[in-house]
Protein backbone atom coordinates (compact mmCIF):
# COMPACT_ATOMS: atom_id res chain seq x y z
CA ALA A 1 -53.65 -18.41 -59.14
CA ASN A 2 -54.92 -20.60 -56.51
CA THR A 3 -51.64 -22.34 -55.61
CA PRO A 4 -50.79 -21.92 -52.12
CA CYS A 5 -47.49 -20.03 -51.41
CA ALA A 6 -45.36 -20.22 -48.54
CA ARG A 7 -44.83 -16.96 -46.42
CA VAL A 8 -43.64 -15.83 -42.98
CA ASP A 9 -46.00 -15.27 -40.35
CA PRO A 10 -45.10 -12.02 -38.95
CA TYR A 11 -47.08 -12.59 -35.85
CA ARG A 12 -45.92 -16.15 -35.19
CA GLY A 13 -42.56 -15.83 -36.39
CA ARG A 14 -42.50 -19.66 -38.00
CA LEU A 15 -43.13 -20.40 -41.76
CA ALA A 16 -46.32 -20.65 -42.72
CA THR A 17 -48.81 -21.40 -46.11
CA TYR A 18 -51.57 -19.24 -47.77
CA THR A 19 -54.13 -19.40 -50.26
CA PRO A 20 -55.60 -16.66 -52.12
CA ARG A 21 -58.89 -14.92 -50.61
CA ASN A 22 -60.71 -16.78 -53.52
CA SER A 23 -59.76 -20.23 -52.47
CA PRO A 24 -61.92 -22.24 -50.43
CA GLU A 25 -59.02 -22.68 -48.04
CA SER A 26 -58.62 -19.01 -47.12
CA HIS A 27 -57.01 -19.87 -43.37
CA CYS A 28 -53.03 -20.35 -43.12
CA ALA A 29 -52.05 -24.01 -42.14
CA THR A 30 -48.97 -24.05 -40.60
CA THR A 31 -46.25 -26.38 -42.09
CA CYS A 32 -43.12 -26.00 -40.44
CA PRO A 33 -44.37 -25.43 -36.68
CA THR A 34 -40.76 -25.78 -35.27
CA ALA A 35 -38.43 -23.68 -37.77
CA MET A 36 -37.51 -20.33 -36.47
CA SER A 37 -37.81 -17.33 -39.12
CA ALA A 38 -34.14 -16.36 -40.06
CA ARG A 39 -35.30 -12.37 -40.12
CA PRO A 40 -35.78 -12.16 -36.23
CA LEU A 41 -32.82 -14.36 -35.57
CA LEU A 42 -30.59 -11.88 -37.35
CA ARG A 43 -32.60 -8.83 -35.87
CA ALA A 44 -31.56 -10.06 -32.27
CA VAL A 45 -27.72 -10.74 -33.15
CA TRP A 46 -27.77 -7.48 -34.65
CA MET A 47 -29.33 -5.68 -31.24
CA LEU A 48 -26.69 -7.87 -29.52
CA VAL A 49 -23.83 -6.17 -31.58
CA LEU A 50 -24.86 -2.68 -31.25
CA ALA A 51 -25.65 -2.90 -27.48
CA ALA A 52 -22.09 -4.48 -27.11
CA VAL A 53 -20.41 -1.49 -29.51
CA ALA A 54 -22.14 0.94 -27.19
CA VAL A 55 -20.69 -0.38 -23.86
CA ASP A 56 -17.31 -0.82 -25.16
CA ALA A 57 -17.77 3.01 -26.82
CA SER A 58 -18.15 4.25 -23.07
CA LYS A 59 -14.93 2.50 -22.02
CA THR A 60 -11.65 4.59 -21.93
CA TYR A 61 -8.30 3.31 -22.76
CA ASP A 62 -4.57 4.19 -22.04
CA GLU A 63 -1.72 4.31 -24.67
CA PHE A 64 -1.14 0.54 -23.53
CA GLY A 65 -4.62 -0.79 -24.36
CA CYS A 66 -5.71 -0.98 -20.34
CA CYS A 67 -9.49 -0.38 -19.85
CA ILE A 68 -8.83 2.79 -17.35
CA SER A 69 -12.48 3.28 -16.86
CA CYS A 70 -12.63 -0.52 -15.94
CA GLY A 71 -10.18 0.23 -13.03
CA HIS A 72 -7.37 -1.74 -15.10
CA TYR A 73 -3.80 -0.61 -14.81
CA TRP A 74 -0.39 -1.03 -16.84
CA CYS A 75 1.77 -3.13 -15.05
CA ALA A 76 5.41 -2.75 -16.56
CA ALA A 77 6.77 -5.30 -14.53
CA LYS A 78 4.38 -7.80 -15.44
CA ASN A 79 4.16 -6.04 -19.19
CA LYS A 80 0.39 -6.48 -18.96
CA CYS A 81 -2.59 -4.71 -17.83
CA VAL A 82 -3.72 -5.68 -14.20
CA GLU A 83 -7.14 -5.36 -12.31
CA GLU A 84 -5.67 -4.30 -8.95
CA TRP A 85 -2.59 -1.66 -8.74
CA ASN A 86 -1.23 -3.81 -5.69
CA THR A 87 -0.92 -6.89 -7.79
CA CYS A 88 1.47 -5.14 -10.22
CA ASP A 89 4.80 -6.08 -9.08
CA ASP A 90 5.17 -8.25 -5.82
CA GLY A 91 8.90 -7.58 -6.17
CA SER A 92 11.18 -10.53 -4.91
CA GLY A 93 12.80 -10.90 -1.16
CA SER A 94 15.20 -13.71 0.30
CA TYR A 95 15.26 -14.34 3.99
CA SER A 96 18.70 -15.59 3.25
CA SER A 97 20.23 -12.93 1.81
CA CYS A 98 18.14 -10.83 3.98
CA LYS A 99 17.28 -8.44 0.87
CA TYR A 100 14.06 -7.06 -0.91
CA GLU A 101 13.94 -5.80 -4.55
CA TRP A 102 10.84 -4.01 -6.29
CA ALA A 103 10.95 -2.32 -9.48
CA GLY A 104 14.95 -1.10 -9.34
CA LEU A 105 14.57 -0.37 -5.82
CA SER A 106 16.56 -2.61 -3.01
CA TRP A 107 16.51 -2.52 0.56
CA ASP A 108 18.97 -4.50 2.75
CA LEU A 109 18.28 -5.67 6.32
CA SER A 110 21.46 -7.70 6.55
CA ASP A 111 22.80 -5.56 8.87
CA LEU A 112 20.12 -6.41 11.67
CA LYS A 113 21.39 -10.28 11.86
CA LYS A 114 22.67 -10.56 14.77
CA THR A 115 24.09 -13.29 16.98
CA ASN A 116 21.66 -12.50 19.92
CA PRO A 117 17.96 -11.77 19.47
CA TYR A 118 15.99 -8.83 19.82
CA TYR A 119 13.61 -8.23 22.81
CA ILE A 120 10.59 -6.25 22.66
CA GLN A 121 8.29 -5.39 25.24
CA ASP A 122 4.77 -4.51 24.30
CA THR A 123 3.83 -1.30 25.46
CA PHE A 124 0.31 -2.28 25.60
CA SER A 125 -1.13 -1.56 29.13
CA ASN A 126 -2.37 -3.99 31.46
CA PRO A 127 -1.61 -4.31 34.80
CA THR A 128 -2.07 -8.44 34.73
CA GLN A 129 -0.26 -9.30 31.60
CA ASN A 130 3.21 -8.77 30.33
CA TRP A 131 3.68 -9.73 26.68
CA THR A 132 7.52 -10.32 25.53
CA TYR A 133 8.52 -11.01 21.96
CA VAL A 134 11.74 -12.58 20.74
CA LEU A 135 12.67 -11.58 17.30
CA GLY A 136 15.62 -12.86 14.90
CA ILE A 137 15.82 -10.75 11.94
CA CYS A 138 16.28 -13.30 8.69
CA GLN A 139 17.03 -16.20 10.71
CA ASP A 140 15.85 -18.49 13.61
CA VAL A 141 16.44 -17.34 17.24
CA PRO A 142 19.18 -19.32 18.86
CA THR A 143 18.00 -22.44 20.59
CA ASP A 144 20.48 -21.71 23.40
CA ASP A 145 18.71 -18.38 24.34
CA GLU A 146 17.83 -17.74 27.57
CA PHE A 147 14.31 -17.10 27.06
CA VAL A 148 14.07 -19.89 24.52
CA GLY A 149 15.97 -22.47 25.01
CA VAL A 150 16.00 -25.79 27.09
CA GLY A 151 14.13 -25.75 30.34
CA SER A 152 12.06 -22.81 29.40
CA ASN A 153 8.67 -22.38 28.43
CA CYS A 154 9.42 -21.75 24.92
CA GLU A 155 11.30 -25.03 24.35
CA ALA A 156 8.06 -26.87 23.05
CA THR A 157 5.07 -24.85 22.62
CA GLU A 158 1.32 -25.88 22.19
CA GLY A 159 -1.53 -24.10 20.41
CA SER A 160 -5.01 -24.21 20.30
CA ALA A 161 -5.22 -27.43 18.28
CA TYR A 162 -3.17 -29.17 20.85
CA GLU A 163 -0.48 -29.31 18.24
CA ILE A 164 3.33 -29.21 19.72
CA MET A 165 6.18 -27.53 17.88
CA THR A 166 9.48 -27.94 18.84
CA ASP A 167 11.74 -26.98 15.89
CA PRO A 168 13.38 -23.38 15.90
CA SER A 169 11.54 -20.34 15.36
CA PRO A 170 12.32 -16.68 13.82
CA ALA A 171 9.84 -15.03 16.41
CA TYR A 172 8.65 -16.40 19.93
CA GLN A 173 5.58 -14.81 22.18
CA LEU A 174 6.11 -14.85 26.13
CA LEU A 175 3.08 -14.24 28.42
CA ASP A 176 3.73 -13.70 32.06
CA THR A 177 0.72 -12.85 34.14
CA THR A 178 0.32 -11.77 37.88
CA TRP A 179 -1.52 -14.95 38.87
CA ASP A 180 1.49 -17.10 38.19
CA TYR A 181 0.57 -18.23 34.77
CA HIS A 182 3.22 -18.39 32.04
CA THR A 183 3.45 -19.33 28.62
CA CYS A 184 4.90 -19.41 25.33
CA TYR A 185 3.70 -19.48 21.59
CA ARG A 186 5.95 -19.91 18.28
CA LEU A 187 4.86 -17.09 15.75
CA GLY A 188 6.19 -18.68 12.76
CA GLY A 189 7.73 -21.55 10.93
CA SER A 190 11.78 -22.43 11.31
CA LEU A 191 13.98 -20.77 8.73
CA SER A 192 16.46 -23.60 8.66
CA ASP A 193 14.16 -25.96 6.61
CA SER A 194 12.79 -24.63 3.51
CA ALA A 195 9.78 -26.77 3.81
CA THR A 196 8.62 -25.25 7.08
CA ALA A 197 9.81 -21.81 6.14
CA SER A 198 7.08 -19.24 5.28
CA VAL A 199 8.91 -15.57 4.73
CA GLU A 200 6.76 -12.67 3.10
CA PHE A 201 8.29 -9.49 1.85
CA GLY A 202 6.55 -6.56 0.64
CA LEU A 203 6.00 -2.92 0.39
CA TYR A 204 4.62 -0.98 3.41
CA ASP A 205 2.39 1.22 1.24
CA PRO A 206 2.37 0.45 -2.54
CA MET A 207 1.42 3.90 -3.26
CA ASN A 208 4.85 5.13 -1.49
CA PRO A 209 7.43 2.44 -2.33
CA ALA A 210 10.15 4.58 -0.40
CA GLU A 211 8.42 4.67 2.87
CA GLY A 212 9.36 1.34 3.77
CA ILE A 213 8.83 -2.66 3.45
CA TYR A 214 7.72 -5.25 5.78
CA MET A 215 8.71 -8.88 6.75
CA LEU A 216 5.99 -11.36 7.75
CA TYR A 217 6.80 -14.50 9.34
CA LYS A 218 4.27 -17.27 9.44
CA GLY A 219 3.42 -20.67 10.46
CA GLY A 220 3.38 -20.64 13.98
CA ASN A 221 1.10 -22.16 16.57
CA ALA A 222 -2.53 -22.40 15.95
CA CYS A 223 -5.03 -20.25 17.64
CA LYS A 224 -8.83 -19.56 17.53
CA ASP A 225 -10.10 -15.98 16.14
CA THR A 226 -10.27 -13.78 19.15
CA VAL A 227 -10.63 -10.60 17.72
CA SER A 228 -13.14 -10.33 14.62
CA ASP A 229 -15.04 -12.59 12.36
CA LYS A 230 -12.65 -11.33 9.29
CA ALA A 231 -9.68 -13.22 10.16
CA ALA A 232 -10.82 -15.82 7.62
CA CYS A 233 -8.64 -18.72 8.85
CA THR A 234 -7.46 -21.17 6.37
CA ASP A 235 -5.45 -23.72 8.39
CA GLU A 236 -7.17 -27.11 9.12
CA ILE A 237 -5.71 -29.27 11.68
CA ASP A 238 -7.83 -32.60 12.28
CA GLY A 239 -10.67 -31.21 10.66
CA THR A 240 -11.09 -27.88 12.56
CA THR A 241 -10.17 -24.62 10.84
CA TYR A 242 -7.55 -22.66 12.87
CA CYS A 243 -5.35 -19.52 12.26
CA ARG A 244 -1.85 -20.02 12.48
CA ARG A 245 0.12 -17.43 14.75
CA SER A 246 2.27 -14.63 12.70
CA ILE A 247 3.83 -11.54 13.26
CA LYS A 248 4.73 -8.39 10.75
CA LEU A 249 7.58 -6.50 10.85
CA ASN A 250 7.34 -3.02 9.28
CA PHE A 251 10.57 -0.90 8.70
CA LEU A 252 9.93 2.66 7.94
CA CYS A 253 11.89 4.90 6.58
CA ASN A 254 13.85 6.74 8.90
CA ASN A 255 17.09 9.00 8.25
CA GLU A 256 18.71 8.51 11.45
CA ILE A 257 17.68 5.34 13.54
CA SER A 258 19.38 2.17 13.21
CA ASP A 259 18.70 0.37 16.54
CA ILE A 260 15.77 -1.89 17.32
CA PRO A 261 13.95 -0.63 20.31
CA LEU A 262 13.36 -2.60 23.67
CA PHE A 263 10.13 -1.05 23.88
CA GLU A 264 6.95 -0.63 21.22
CA GLU A 265 3.73 -1.34 20.68
CA VAL A 266 2.51 -4.69 19.40
CA GLU A 267 -1.07 -4.27 17.58
CA GLU A 268 -3.25 -7.53 16.82
CA ALA A 269 -5.21 -6.42 13.67
CA ARG A 270 -6.84 -9.95 13.30
CA GLY A 271 -6.99 -13.29 15.05
CA CYS A 272 -3.25 -13.93 16.14
CA GLU A 273 -1.85 -11.77 13.55
CA TYR A 274 0.65 -9.31 15.25
CA GLU A 275 2.27 -6.25 13.88
CA VAL A 276 4.92 -3.99 14.96
CA THR A 277 6.39 -1.06 13.17
CA PHE A 278 10.33 -0.07 13.57
CA ASN A 279 11.41 3.67 12.24
CA SER A 280 14.85 2.65 10.67
CA VAL A 281 17.55 3.32 8.05
CA TYR A 282 17.01 0.09 6.91
CA GLY A 283 13.69 0.66 5.72
CA CYS A 284 14.88 3.50 2.95
CA PRO A 285 15.63 1.99 -0.42
CA THR A 286 19.55 1.62 -0.68
CA GLU A 287 19.33 3.84 -3.95
CA CYS A 288 18.84 6.97 -1.48
CA PRO A 289 22.78 7.80 -0.56
CA ARG A 290 23.90 7.52 2.89
CA GLU A 291 26.64 9.77 4.71
CA HIS A 292 28.28 8.70 8.17
CA GLY A 293 25.27 6.52 8.28
CA LEU A 294 22.50 8.97 8.01
CA VAL A 295 20.19 8.61 4.83
CA CYS A 296 20.45 11.84 2.83
CA GLY A 297 22.78 13.16 5.42
CA ALA A 298 19.87 13.83 7.77
CA LYS A 299 19.16 16.57 5.66
CA GLY A 300 16.64 15.53 3.27
CA LEU A 301 13.49 12.99 2.47
CA CYS A 302 14.05 9.85 0.77
CA PHE A 303 11.72 10.16 -2.10
CA TYR A 304 10.27 7.95 -4.85
CA ASP A 305 9.31 9.86 -8.24
CA GLY A 306 7.25 7.09 -9.75
CA PHE A 307 3.90 5.47 -9.70
CA GLU A 308 2.89 1.85 -7.97
CA ASP A 309 3.43 0.45 -11.12
CA GLY A 310 7.43 1.39 -11.22
CA MET A 311 7.17 3.79 -14.06
CA THR A 312 6.92 7.74 -14.09
CA ALA A 313 4.52 9.90 -15.85
CA ASP A 314 6.81 10.83 -18.65
CA GLY A 315 7.34 6.85 -19.16
CA ARG A 316 10.65 6.38 -17.73
CA THR A 317 11.63 3.83 -14.72
CA GLY A 318 11.20 5.47 -11.38
CA SER A 319 14.15 6.26 -9.04
CA ALA A 320 14.51 6.89 -5.25
CA GLN A 321 16.32 10.13 -4.56
CA CYS A 322 16.74 12.87 -1.65
CA LEU A 323 14.96 15.96 -1.47
CA CYS A 324 17.18 18.40 0.17
CA GLU A 325 16.22 20.73 2.48
CA GLU A 326 17.51 24.27 2.08
CA PRO A 327 20.31 25.42 1.81
CA PHE A 328 21.48 21.84 1.21
CA SER A 329 21.85 20.17 -2.46
CA GLY A 330 23.51 17.25 -4.20
CA SER A 331 22.63 13.67 -4.57
CA GLY A 332 23.28 12.99 -0.75
CA CYS A 333 22.27 16.80 0.43
CA SER A 334 25.97 16.91 1.16
CA GLU A 335 26.43 20.44 -0.63
CA TYR A 336 25.83 23.62 1.35
CA ASN A 337 24.40 26.27 -1.42
CA THR A 338 25.72 29.62 -0.30
CA GLU A 339 23.35 31.78 -1.99
CA SER A 340 20.09 30.09 -0.87
CA ALA A 341 21.74 30.00 2.78
CA ALA A 342 22.23 34.01 1.95
CA VAL A 343 18.74 34.68 1.09
CA GLU A 344 17.48 32.36 4.21
CA SER A 345 19.71 34.49 6.40
CA SER A 346 18.46 37.76 5.45
CA SER A 347 15.01 36.38 5.94
CA TYR A 348 16.19 35.39 9.37
CA VAL A 349 17.48 38.64 10.12
CA PHE A 350 14.39 40.42 9.19
CA TRP A 351 11.96 38.42 11.14
CA VAL A 352 14.45 38.35 14.04
CA GLY A 353 14.79 41.89 13.90
CA LEU A 354 10.91 42.65 14.01
CA MET A 355 10.64 40.34 17.01
CA LEU A 356 13.15 42.30 18.95
CA ILE A 357 11.24 45.51 18.09
CA PHE A 358 8.08 44.26 19.37
CA ALA A 359 9.77 42.75 22.20
CA GLY A 360 11.65 46.52 23.09
CA VAL A 361 8.14 48.16 22.77
CA GLY A 362 6.76 45.44 25.48
CA LEU A 363 9.64 45.79 27.90
CA ILE A 364 9.37 49.52 27.60
CA CYS A 365 5.60 49.47 28.46
CA GLY A 366 5.72 47.32 31.23
CA ALA A 367 8.46 49.51 32.85
CA LYS A 368 6.60 52.53 32.69
CA ARG A 369 3.20 50.70 33.03
CA ASP A 370 2.36 53.25 36.09
CA SER A 371 3.09 56.27 34.22
CA VAL A 372 1.26 55.25 31.12
CA MET A 373 -2.01 54.02 32.98
CA ALA A 374 -1.61 57.46 34.68
CA LEU A 375 -1.56 58.89 31.66
CA PHE A 376 -4.51 57.10 30.21
CA SER A 377 -6.69 57.55 33.27
CA GLY A 378 -6.17 61.38 33.46
CA LEU A 379 -6.82 61.92 29.80
CA TYR A 380 -9.80 59.95 29.93
CA HIS A 381 -11.12 61.72 33.03
CA MET A 382 -9.98 64.97 31.66
CA ASN A 383 -12.25 64.14 28.50
CA ASN A 384 -15.26 63.19 30.98
CA GLY A 385 -15.32 66.12 32.88
CA TYR A 386 -15.35 68.21 29.92
CA GLU A 387 -18.42 66.51 28.30
CA ARG A 388 -20.04 66.59 31.66
CA GLU A 389 -19.80 70.40 32.26
CA ARG A 390 -20.44 71.35 28.70
CA VAL A 391 -23.57 69.49 28.94
CA GLY A 392 -24.53 70.46 32.48
CA TYR A 393 -23.69 74.37 31.91
CA SER A 394 -23.79 75.61 28.26
CA LYS A 395 -27.42 75.40 27.96
CA VAL A 396 -28.38 76.49 31.67
CA ASP A 397 -26.64 79.69 30.89
CA GLN A 398 -28.99 80.42 28.23
CA GLY A 399 -31.82 79.92 30.19
CA TYR A 400 -32.94 76.70 28.82
CA TYR A 401 -33.69 74.78 31.65
CA HIS A 402 -35.32 75.39 35.12
CA GLN A 403 -34.69 73.92 38.50
CA GLY A 404 -35.07 70.37 38.43
CA GLU A 405 -35.36 69.65 34.67
CA THR A 406 -33.42 67.44 32.76
CA GLN A 407 -32.44 66.65 29.21
CA GLY A 408 -32.92 62.97 28.13
CA THR A 409 -33.24 59.89 30.00
CA PRO A 410 -29.50 59.41 30.53
CA MET A 411 -29.30 62.72 33.06
CA ASN A 412 -32.84 62.31 34.72
CA GLN A 413 -31.07 62.23 38.20
CA THR A 414 -28.69 65.70 37.38
CA HIS A 415 -29.94 69.16 38.52
CA PHE A 416 -29.02 72.36 37.07
CA ARG A 417 -28.39 75.95 37.98
CA GLU A 418 -31.58 77.86 37.35
CA LYS A 419 -31.31 80.99 35.35
CA VAL A 420 -33.42 83.79 37.24
CA ASN A 421 -34.75 86.66 35.60
CA PRO A 422 -34.65 89.96 37.55
CA GLU A 423 -37.56 91.41 35.91
CA GLU A 424 -39.70 88.56 36.69
CA SER A 425 -38.37 88.21 40.21
CA ASN A 426 -40.90 88.00 43.06
CA PHE A 427 -38.40 89.02 45.75
CA ALA A 428 -38.64 91.88 47.82
CA THR A 429 -35.37 92.96 47.70
CA ALA A 430 -32.87 93.78 44.83
CA SER A 431 -30.09 91.54 46.31
CA SER A 432 -32.59 88.90 46.69
CA ALA A 433 -33.79 89.20 43.09
CA THR A 434 -30.35 88.68 41.64
CA GLU A 435 -29.46 85.43 43.92
CA GLU A 436 -29.41 82.57 42.43
CA SER A 437 -30.63 79.16 43.95
CA THR A 438 -27.75 76.75 43.74
CA PHE A 439 -28.27 72.93 43.47
CA SER A 440 -25.52 70.44 43.16
CA LEU A 441 -24.51 68.74 40.28
C-alpha cells in the first residue's frame, strides 16, 4: 500500500511519482522532468485537426475542385486551377507570321506588314515639342527610310545609360523642338535577330476577348523613370537600374477601319512605356465573318460568348460570332429579314406620323398666332370684367355697402355706389331724396 505509484501530474503536464498519504513521503517527486505527457499532445493535435476542418468547411468549390471562395478559377486551356483569371491562357503569338491565337480564336495582322513604315504624329498638344513615331508591324523599319536611315538622328541612338544602339528596330521615337534640339530613340530590339527580338502578344481585355489584342515591342534605349515611382525598372546596366523603352500597339475591333491613322494620341502610362490604340478590323477575331472587307458586314457586332477561361456557362468551348442588328441576320449579318423589317417599318410609320401631327399643329398655331392671342386675351378680359362687376355691384344693389366701405383686403381701394333709402333721406326735395351720389369704381 505504501509503494510509490507513477502518475501524470495534471498541473505540470509531466510524469511524477506519489506515495499514499500514510507514507512519510507525502510529496510528489518528479522522476521524468523532460518527458511530456501524451495526453496534452494528443489534445493539441486534435484541436488543430478540428480547426483545419472548420476552415475547410467554410470554403466553396466548383465542379472542377477549384476553391471559388479562395478566388481560384478553372482554366480549361491549362487543365488546372489558377489563382488569377488573367494567367489562364496567355495565348501564342508569332511576329514572323504576325498572328495571335487564344482559346480557339485567332487574329491576323499580316496585312499590315508593308514595305514602307507607318508614321504616327502624336496629338499631344505641346507648342514647343513635336513627337513622331515610326513603326513597322511585325518587322523592323527599313534601314533606308529617310527618317531612320543613314545620316539621320536614328542611325545610332543613345539612351540614359549612355548605351549606343545601331541595329534595326521595329519602332522609333523622334523628338523635334523649337529650340533646334532633335533626337531619336529606339523603342524595341531588332526582330531580325531572335536573340534581341522581344515581342509580346496578348488580349487587350481578357474579360472581353473579342474587343481586340495588343502587340508589345520591348528592349529599346534605356531611360530613367520620369513619370511615376511604379515603373519597377528591372534592366541593369553597369550596376544601375534603368527602364528599357517600349511601345504597346493596341488593335481594337472595328467593323470598317482598316488603315493606320497619321495622327493619334500616344500615352505614357509608366516611365518610357508608350502606348497607342488603333481602331481596326484587324483587332477582330477572324472567326467573325467578313463581307467586302467589313466585319459582320458592318451590320452587327463581333461578340465572344465564352468567359476568360475560354469556356461558356454550359461547359462548351467559347466561340466568336456576329450579333446582327435588326432586320439583318445570318452568320455574317448578310441576310435581310423581311418580317422584322415590316414590324420595324410599321413602328417607324407610327412615330413619323405622330411627329407630323405635332408639327402641323405647331405650324397652324404659329400662322394664327395673332388670332389665337387675341382670342385668349378677350376671354381673359371678359372673365376678369365679369368677376369685377359681380363683386363690385351685386351686394351694393342689396344695400350692404355704404360709401367708402370695402370687402376684404384685396379691394381696399375700391369705392362702391351707395344705396340711398328715400324714407331716411335728409334732403329737402324729393328729387334730392332719390338722387344717388356716384363714385368711381
